[in-house]
Each structure stands twice: as C-alpha cells, then as structure tokens.
Amino acid sequence: MAPVTPGHDSTHAIAIALTVVSWRAATGFSGSELAQAVSAALYSAFGSGGDLTTELIEREILATRPLSVTMHERVQALRDWARERTVPVD
C-alpha cells in the first residue's frame, strides 16, 4: 500500500488505514479515538522524516486504550441510569 502523504483528506486516510489495520486492534474505539491515532501516527511519521503508514497507525492504536475499556464501569453505570430515566431512540 502506498503511504499517505500530506494533503490527503483525513477521513480518506482513516478509511485506508482501517481497511488494512487489524479490526481487532480497533475494537472498542470511537471514530474520534481512531482519528486521534491517525493524528499521533502523523506526528511520529513527520517527526522521523517518514511517511504515514498503516504500521504506524496500528502501533498508535495498540498503544492506546479506548474509553470503552478504561471507563467501562462509568459508561455502564451511565447506560444503566439512562435505561430507567430516558426514552430509547429507534
């Protein structure tokens, strides 16, 4: 796969990366958390004078724990609270 270079649309870069990056590595991440992983990989790539690659993105994803993991209990408590007090959206 060709490296992503500056000037590419970030949404496009994320889509390219996630078609190659292991979906297991990205499980539990929100879209903004994945975008942040791409941003961190860009800093790493340009800081070292290289290109953005899927390997750099995967490394950043693997080095990060999503909120769905680190805040699991709080997220579940909020869901439980909302189940009794809100109207579900279809």
C-alpha atoms as a PDB file:
ATOM      1  CA  MET A   1       0.000   0.000   0.000  1.00  0.00           C
ATOM      2  CA  ALA A   2       1.279   3.454  -0.828  1.00  0.00           C
ATOM      3  CA  PRO A   3       1.954   5.748   2.132  1.00  0.00           C
ATOM      4  CA  VAL A   4      -0.482   8.537   2.879  1.00  0.00           C
ATOM      5  CA  THR A   5       1.141  11.909   2.350  1.00  0.00           C
ATOM      6  CA  PRO A   6       0.179  15.428   3.495  1.00  0.00           C
ATOM      7  CA  GLY A   7      -2.755  16.794   1.551  1.00  0.00           C
ATOM      8  CA  HIS A   8      -4.877  13.655   1.714  1.00  0.00           C
ATOM      9  CA  ASP A   9      -8.269  14.079   3.300  1.00  0.00           C
ATOM     10  CA  SER A  10      -8.066  12.754   6.881  1.00  0.00           C
ATOM     11  CA  THR A  11     -11.299  10.766   6.538  1.00  0.00           C
ATOM     12  CA  HIS A  12      -9.840   9.081   3.489  1.00  0.00           C
ATOM     13  CA  ALA A  13      -6.620   8.347   5.394  1.00  0.00           C
ATOM     14  CA  ILE A  14      -8.546   6.739   8.242  1.00  0.00           C
ATOM     15  CA  ALA A  15     -10.587   4.628   5.827  1.00  0.00           C
ATOM     16  CA  ILE A  16      -7.454   3.436   4.034  1.00  0.00           C
ATOM     17  CA  ALA A  17      -5.700   2.648   7.284  1.00  0.00           C
ATOM     18  CA  LEU A  18      -8.585   0.746   8.806  1.00  0.00           C
ATOM     19  CA  THR A  19      -9.036  -1.443   5.743  1.00  0.00           C
ATOM     20  CA  VAL A  20      -5.531  -2.732   6.421  1.00  0.00           C
ATOM     21  CA  VAL A  21      -5.176  -2.395  10.194  1.00  0.00           C
ATOM     22  CA  SER A  22      -6.460  -5.310  12.205  1.00  0.00           C
ATOM     23  CA  TRP A  23     -10.087  -4.714  13.148  1.00  0.00           C
ATOM     24  CA  ARG A  24      -9.356  -6.464  16.449  1.00  0.00           C
ATOM     25  CA  ALA A  25      -6.854  -3.727  17.245  1.00  0.00           C
ATOM     26  CA  ALA A  26      -9.527  -1.079  16.638  1.00  0.00           C
ATOM     27  CA  THR A  27     -12.359  -2.809  18.527  1.00  0.00           C
ATOM     28  CA  GLY A  28     -13.943  -0.550  21.123  1.00  0.00           C
ATOM     29  CA  PHE A  29     -12.542   2.672  19.689  1.00  0.00           C
ATOM     30  CA  SER A  30     -14.780   5.591  18.768  1.00  0.00           C
ATOM     31  CA  GLY A  31     -14.299   7.404  15.490  1.00  0.00           C
ATOM     32  CA  SER A  32     -12.620  10.325  17.235  1.00  0.00           C
ATOM     33  CA  GLU A  33     -10.240   7.969  19.058  1.00  0.00           C
ATOM     34  CA  LEU A  34      -9.272   6.391  15.737  1.00  0.00           C
ATOM     35  CA  ALA A  35      -8.795   9.838  14.210  1.00  0.00           C
ATOM     36  CA  GLN A  36      -6.505  10.710  17.127  1.00  0.00           C
ATOM     37  CA  ALA A  37      -4.467   7.556  16.487  1.00  0.00           C
ATOM     38  CA  VAL A  38      -4.017   8.668  12.879  1.00  0.00           C
ATOM     39  CA  SER A  39      -3.002  12.141  14.091  1.00  0.00           C
ATOM     40  CA  ALA A  40      -0.457  10.664  16.509  1.00  0.00           C
ATOM     41  CA  ALA A  41       0.920   8.463  13.735  1.00  0.00           C
ATOM     42  CA  LEU A  42       1.258  11.548  11.508  1.00  0.00           C
ATOM     43  CA  TYR A  43       3.331  13.273  14.191  1.00  0.00           C
ATOM     44  CA  SER A  44       5.526  10.190  14.503  1.00  0.00           C
ATOM     45  CA  ALA A  45       5.947   9.896  10.746  1.00  0.00           C
ATOM     46  CA  PHE A  46       6.765  13.515  10.069  1.00  0.00           C
ATOM     47  CA  GLY A  47       8.941  13.776  13.186  1.00  0.00           C
ATOM     48  CA  SER A  48      11.102  10.964  11.861  1.00  0.00           C
ATOM     49  CA  GLY A  49      11.030  12.297   8.292  1.00  0.00           C
ATOM     50  CA  GLY A  50       8.999   9.333   7.054  1.00  0.00           C
ATOM     51  CA  ASP A  51       5.575   8.748   5.594  1.00  0.00           C
ATOM     52  CA  LEU A  52       2.349   7.822   7.321  1.00  0.00           C
ATOM     53  CA  THR A  53       1.927   4.059   7.052  1.00  0.00           C
ATOM     54  CA  THR A  54      -0.639   1.619   8.310  1.00  0.00           C
ATOM     55  CA  GLU A  55       2.046   0.142  10.569  1.00  0.00           C
ATOM     56  CA  LEU A  56       2.440   3.476  12.365  1.00  0.00           C
ATOM     57  CA  ILE A  57      -1.308   3.807  12.758  1.00  0.00           C
ATOM     58  CA  GLU A  58      -1.607   0.272  14.095  1.00  0.00           C
ATOM     59  CA  ARG A  59       1.221   0.941  16.546  1.00  0.00           C
ATOM     60  CA  GLU A  60      -0.611   4.023  17.852  1.00  0.00           C
ATOM     61  CA  ILE A  61      -3.886   2.108  18.146  1.00  0.00           C
ATOM     62  CA  LEU A  62      -2.179  -0.697  20.063  1.00  0.00           C
ATOM     63  CA  ALA A  63      -0.509   1.838  22.388  1.00  0.00           C
ATOM     64  CA  THR A  64      -3.868   3.399  23.297  1.00  0.00           C
ATOM     65  CA  ARG A  65      -6.713   2.121  25.449  1.00  0.00           C
ATOM     66  CA  PRO A  66     -10.152   3.333  24.331  1.00  0.00           C
ATOM     67  CA  LEU A  67     -12.564   4.947  26.783  1.00  0.00           C
ATOM     68  CA  SER A  68     -14.854   1.953  26.373  1.00  0.00           C
ATOM     69  CA  VAL A  69     -12.130  -0.039  28.159  1.00  0.00           C
ATOM     70  CA  THR A  70     -10.642   2.463  30.607  1.00  0.00           C
ATOM     71  CA  MET A  71     -14.008   3.874  31.664  1.00  0.00           C
ATOM     72  CA  HIS A  72     -16.078   0.705  31.248  1.00  0.00           C
ATOM     73  CA  GLU A  73     -17.691   0.872  34.683  1.00  0.00           C
ATOM     74  CA  ARG A  74     -18.656   4.531  34.329  1.00  0.00           C
ATOM     75  CA  VAL A  75     -20.047   4.014  30.822  1.00  0.00           C
ATOM     76  CA  GLN A  76     -22.078   1.021  32.027  1.00  0.00           C
ATOM     77  CA  ALA A  77     -23.367   2.982  35.037  1.00  0.00           C
ATOM     78  CA  LEU A  78     -24.475   5.800  32.722  1.00  0.00           C
ATOM     79  CA  ARG A  79     -26.248   3.314  30.443  1.00  0.00           C
ATOM     80  CA  ASP A  80     -27.991   1.736  33.446  1.00  0.00           C
ATOM     81  CA  TRP A  81     -29.049   5.171  34.711  1.00  0.00           C
ATOM     82  CA  ALA A  82     -30.340   6.176  31.273  1.00  0.00           C
ATOM     83  CA  ARG A  83     -32.279   2.926  30.789  1.00  0.00           C
ATOM     84  CA  GLU A  84     -34.582   3.845  33.691  1.00  0.00           C
ATOM     85  CA  ARG A  85     -34.832   7.586  33.047  1.00  0.00           C
ATOM     86  CA  THR A  86     -34.863   8.187  29.309  1.00  0.00           C
ATOM     87  CA  VAL A  87     -36.849   7.211  26.249  1.00  0.00           C
ATOM     88  CA  PRO A  88     -34.948   4.975  23.807  1.00  0.00           C
ATOM     89  CA  VAL A  89     -34.358   6.297  20.302  1.00  0.00           C
ATOM     90  CA  ASP A  90     -35.281   3.944  17.471  1.00  0.00           C
END
